[in-house]
Amino acid sequence: MKLDVKVKMNSVNKILKDHGLNKDGRVTRYLRDDADRLMNSFVPMDNGMLRRNKTYPKNNEIKYTSPYAKYQYYGKLMLAKNGSAWAKLGEKKVLTSKNLKYHTSGTGPKWDKLMLQRRKNDLVKDVENYIKNGG
């Protein structure tokens, strides 16, 4: 006796999409938003503009839009060609090897990595709960 069995499966991309796990999916958006929430306390703080000035161009992206966000993120002093920390409108700054000093405790450069070092387990649990609860 001969038995033929055929198994038909959806593609991996379709399975991911159906469960909200693709780059445009609801789980990815939740992960981004929860990471944003957890990361906020690690973003350098002076008047709060850096923490507030951000957009979400895609479900899997956070873009900090303050003019100084890049310098703060990499944590290196940047100077105008004349050596001043202030540059004229349109003038490009030059990267130095001098580290920035962060005045708010717990904040620093590469705040996404800081958050993952200290809160990764919280992020994972939050996303797991979101999925388990039908998110």
C-alpha atoms as a PDB file:
ATOM      1  CA  MET A   1       0.000   0.000   0.000  1.00  0.00           C
ATOM      2  CA  LYS A   2       1.327   3.375  -1.017  1.00  0.00           C
ATOM      3  CA  LEU A   3       0.509   6.562   0.854  1.00  0.00           C
ATOM      4  CA  ASP A   4       1.148   9.999  -0.629  1.00  0.00           C
ATOM      5  CA  VAL A   5       1.003  12.978   1.672  1.00  0.00           C
ATOM      6  CA  LYS A   6       1.208  16.543   0.512  1.00  0.00           C
ATOM      7  CA  VAL A   7       1.690  19.403   2.901  1.00  0.00           C
ATOM      8  CA  LYS A   8       0.932  22.882   1.704  1.00  0.00           C
ATOM      9  CA  MET A   9       2.307  25.737   3.780  1.00  0.00           C
ATOM     10  CA  ASN A  10       2.221  29.452   3.430  1.00  0.00           C
ATOM     11  CA  SER A  11       5.481  31.236   2.802  1.00  0.00           C
ATOM     12  CA  VAL A  12       7.476  32.475   5.765  1.00  0.00           C
ATOM     13  CA  ASN A  13       6.707  36.067   4.730  1.00  0.00           C
ATOM     14  CA  LYS A  14       2.959  35.372   4.732  1.00  0.00           C
ATOM     15  CA  ILE A  15       3.121  33.695   8.141  1.00  0.00           C
ATOM     16  CA  LEU A  16       5.064  36.636   9.582  1.00  0.00           C
ATOM     17  CA  LYS A  17       2.632  39.125   8.051  1.00  0.00           C
ATOM     18  CA  ASP A  18      -0.436  37.227   9.298  1.00  0.00           C
ATOM     19  CA  HIS A  19       0.930  37.361  12.848  1.00  0.00           C
ATOM     20  CA  GLY A  20       2.020  41.016  12.717  1.00  0.00           C
ATOM     21  CA  LEU A  21       5.702  40.095  12.851  1.00  0.00           C
ATOM     22  CA  ASN A  22       6.814  41.607   9.546  1.00  0.00           C
ATOM     23  CA  LYS A  23       8.514  45.012   9.453  1.00  0.00           C
ATOM     24  CA  ASP A  24       5.169  46.773   8.952  1.00  0.00           C
ATOM     25  CA  GLY A  25       3.233  44.609  11.403  1.00  0.00           C
ATOM     26  CA  ARG A  26       1.434  45.470  14.620  1.00  0.00           C
ATOM     27  CA  VAL A  27       3.923  43.548  16.802  1.00  0.00           C
ATOM     28  CA  THR A  28       6.839  45.396  15.218  1.00  0.00           C
ATOM     29  CA  ARG A  29       5.080  48.715  15.866  1.00  0.00           C
ATOM     30  CA  TYR A  30       4.440  47.698  19.496  1.00  0.00           C
ATOM     31  CA  LEU A  31       8.115  46.716  19.881  1.00  0.00           C
ATOM     32  CA  ARG A  32       9.187  50.117  18.522  1.00  0.00           C
ATOM     33  CA  ASP A  33       6.802  52.013  20.802  1.00  0.00           C
ATOM     34  CA  ASP A  34       7.772  50.023  23.891  1.00  0.00           C
ATOM     35  CA  ALA A  35      11.491  50.399  23.103  1.00  0.00           C
ATOM     36  CA  ASP A  36      10.875  54.144  22.691  1.00  0.00           C
ATOM     37  CA  ARG A  37       9.173  54.284  26.108  1.00  0.00           C
ATOM     38  CA  LEU A  38      11.936  52.317  27.823  1.00  0.00           C
ATOM     39  CA  MET A  39      14.695  54.243  26.026  1.00  0.00           C
ATOM     40  CA  ASN A  40      13.397  57.670  26.965  1.00  0.00           C
ATOM     41  CA  SER A  41      15.066  57.795  30.377  1.00  0.00           C
ATOM     42  CA  PHE A  42      18.450  57.054  28.772  1.00  0.00           C
ATOM     43  CA  VAL A  43      18.227  59.935  26.256  1.00  0.00           C
ATOM     44  CA  PRO A  44      20.281  62.942  27.428  1.00  0.00           C
ATOM     45  CA  MET A  45      18.132  65.604  29.041  1.00  0.00           C
ATOM     46  CA  ASP A  46      18.592  69.341  29.234  1.00  0.00           C
ATOM     47  CA  ASN A  47      15.313  71.014  28.381  1.00  0.00           C
ATOM     48  CA  GLY A  48      13.649  67.838  27.066  1.00  0.00           C
ATOM     49  CA  MET A  49      13.708  68.748  23.381  1.00  0.00           C
ATOM     50  CA  LEU A  50      15.865  65.796  22.366  1.00  0.00           C
ATOM     51  CA  ARG A  51      13.434  63.377  24.028  1.00  0.00           C
ATOM     52  CA  ARG A  52      10.393  65.042  22.460  1.00  0.00           C
ATOM     53  CA  ASN A  53      11.642  65.828  18.953  1.00  0.00           C
ATOM     54  CA  LYS A  54      11.292  62.519  17.174  1.00  0.00           C
ATOM     55  CA  THR A  55       9.287  60.947  14.418  1.00  0.00           C
ATOM     56  CA  TYR A  56       8.390  57.404  13.443  1.00  0.00           C
ATOM     57  CA  PRO A  57       9.066  57.182   9.694  1.00  0.00           C
ATOM     58  CA  LYS A  58       8.372  53.434   9.661  1.00  0.00           C
ATOM     59  CA  ASN A  59       6.973  50.879  12.096  1.00  0.00           C
ATOM     60  CA  ASN A  60      10.506  49.793  12.916  1.00  0.00           C
ATOM     61  CA  GLU A  61      12.188  53.226  13.154  1.00  0.00           C
ATOM     62  CA  ILE A  62      12.563  56.108  15.560  1.00  0.00           C
ATOM     63  CA  LYS A  63      14.197  59.246  14.176  1.00  0.00           C
ATOM     64  CA  TYR A  64      15.410  61.954  16.565  1.00  0.00           C
ATOM     65  CA  THR A  65      14.995  65.251  14.754  1.00  0.00           C
ATOM     66  CA  SER A  66      16.767  67.834  16.946  1.00  0.00           C
ATOM     67  CA  PRO A  67      19.724  69.363  15.083  1.00  0.00           C
ATOM     68  CA  TYR A  68      22.119  68.111  17.774  1.00  0.00           C
ATOM     69  CA  ALA A  69      20.663  64.581  18.065  1.00  0.00           C
ATOM     70  CA  LYS A  70      23.472  62.961  16.067  1.00  0.00           C
ATOM     71  CA  TYR A  71      26.182  64.546  18.210  1.00  0.00           C
ATOM     72  CA  GLN A  72      24.428  63.534  21.408  1.00  0.00           C
ATOM     73  CA  TYR A  73      23.876  59.991  20.144  1.00  0.00           C
ATOM     74  CA  TYR A  74      27.534  59.415  19.258  1.00  0.00           C
ATOM     75  CA  GLY A  75      28.756  61.300  22.327  1.00  0.00           C
ATOM     76  CA  LYS A  76      31.612  63.172  20.665  1.00  0.00           C
ATOM     77  CA  LEU A  77      32.215  66.902  20.655  1.00  0.00           C
ATOM     78  CA  MET A  78      31.820  68.522  17.258  1.00  0.00           C
ATOM     79  CA  LEU A  79      33.311  71.919  16.487  1.00  0.00           C
ATOM     80  CA  ALA A  80      33.086  74.464  13.730  1.00  0.00           C
ATOM     81  CA  LYS A  81      36.230  74.914  11.637  1.00  0.00           C
ATOM     82  CA  ASN A  82      37.200  77.916  13.762  1.00  0.00           C
ATOM     83  CA  GLY A  83      37.151  75.709  16.901  1.00  0.00           C
ATOM     84  CA  SER A  84      33.869  77.038  18.255  1.00  0.00           C
ATOM     85  CA  ALA A  85      31.106  74.760  19.517  1.00  0.00           C
ATOM     86  CA  TRP A  86      28.676  77.095  17.713  1.00  0.00           C
ATOM     87  CA  ALA A  87      28.453  76.983  13.945  1.00  0.00           C
ATOM     88  CA  LYS A  88      26.872  79.405  11.505  1.00  0.00           C
ATOM     89  CA  LEU A  89      23.717  78.330   9.718  1.00  0.00           C
ATOM     90  CA  GLY A  90      24.705  75.760   7.091  1.00  0.00           C
ATOM     91  CA  GLU A  91      28.257  75.408   8.377  1.00  0.00           C
ATOM     92  CA  LYS A  92      29.378  71.820   8.918  1.00  0.00           C
ATOM     93  CA  LYS A  93      31.000  70.777  12.159  1.00  0.00           C
ATOM     94  CA  VAL A  94      34.037  68.539  12.477  1.00  0.00           C
ATOM     95  CA  LEU A  95      34.048  65.490  14.724  1.00  0.00           C
ATOM     96  CA  THR A  96      36.629  65.462  17.510  1.00  0.00           C
ATOM     97  CA  SER A  97      37.766  62.602  19.725  1.00  0.00           C
ATOM     98  CA  LYS A  98      36.631  64.415  22.896  1.00  0.00           C
ATOM     99  CA  ASN A  99      33.737  62.724  24.711  1.00  0.00           C
ATOM    100  CA  LEU A 100      30.682  64.742  25.633  1.00  0.00           C
ATOM    101  CA  LYS A 101      29.791  65.065  29.317  1.00  0.00           C
ATOM    102  CA  TYR A 102      26.227  64.091  30.141  1.00  0.00           C
ATOM    103  CA  HIS A 103      24.758  65.845  33.144  1.00  0.00           C
ATOM    104  CA  THR A 104      21.618  63.773  33.691  1.00  0.00           C
ATOM    105  CA  SER A 105      22.418  60.602  35.594  1.00  0.00           C
ATOM    106  CA  GLY A 106      21.913  57.389  33.617  1.00  0.00           C
ATOM    107  CA  THR A 107      21.924  59.067  30.225  1.00  0.00           C
ATOM    108  CA  GLY A 108      24.613  58.870  27.593  1.00  0.00           C
ATOM    109  CA  PRO A 109      25.552  58.113  24.016  1.00  0.00           C
ATOM    110  CA  LYS A 110      23.929  55.269  22.099  1.00  0.00           C
ATOM    111  CA  TRP A 111      20.922  55.323  24.396  1.00  0.00           C
ATOM    112  CA  ASP A 112      19.292  52.449  22.499  1.00  0.00           C
ATOM    113  CA  LYS A 113      22.162  50.182  23.521  1.00  0.00           C
ATOM    114  CA  LEU A 114      22.091  51.534  27.096  1.00  0.00           C
ATOM    115  CA  MET A 115      18.406  50.651  27.302  1.00  0.00           C
ATOM    116  CA  LEU A 116      19.028  47.141  25.968  1.00  0.00           C
ATOM    117  CA  GLN A 117      21.829  46.572  28.484  1.00  0.00           C
ATOM    118  CA  ARG A 118      19.603  47.548  31.386  1.00  0.00           C
ATOM    119  CA  ARG A 119      16.009  46.865  30.275  1.00  0.00           C
ATOM    120  CA  LYS A 120      16.176  44.190  27.570  1.00  0.00           C
ATOM    121  CA  ASN A 121      14.328  41.642  29.714  1.00  0.00           C
ATOM    122  CA  ASP A 122      11.503  44.146  30.321  1.00  0.00           C
ATOM    123  CA  LEU A 123      11.233  44.771  26.591  1.00  0.00           C
ATOM    124  CA  VAL A 124      11.116  41.044  25.809  1.00  0.00           C
ATOM    125  CA  LYS A 125       8.463  40.400  28.499  1.00  0.00           C
ATOM    126  CA  ASP A 126       6.345  43.313  27.290  1.00  0.00           C
ATOM    127  CA  VAL A 127       6.371  42.070  23.687  1.00  0.00           C
ATOM    128  CA  GLU A 128       5.676  38.472  24.792  1.00  0.00           C
ATOM    129  CA  ASN A 129       2.672  39.669  26.822  1.00  0.00           C
ATOM    130  CA  TYR A 130       1.430  41.742  23.916  1.00  0.00           C
ATOM    131  CA  ILE A 131       1.518  38.709  21.632  1.00  0.00           C
ATOM    132  CA  LYS A 132      -0.020  36.375  24.260  1.00  0.00           C
ATOM    133  CA  ASN A 133      -2.868  38.818  24.848  1.00  0.00           C
ATOM    134  CA  GLY A 134      -3.762  38.841  21.168  1.00  0.00           C
ATOM    135  CA  GLY A 135      -1.927  42.040  20.230  1.00  0.00           C
END
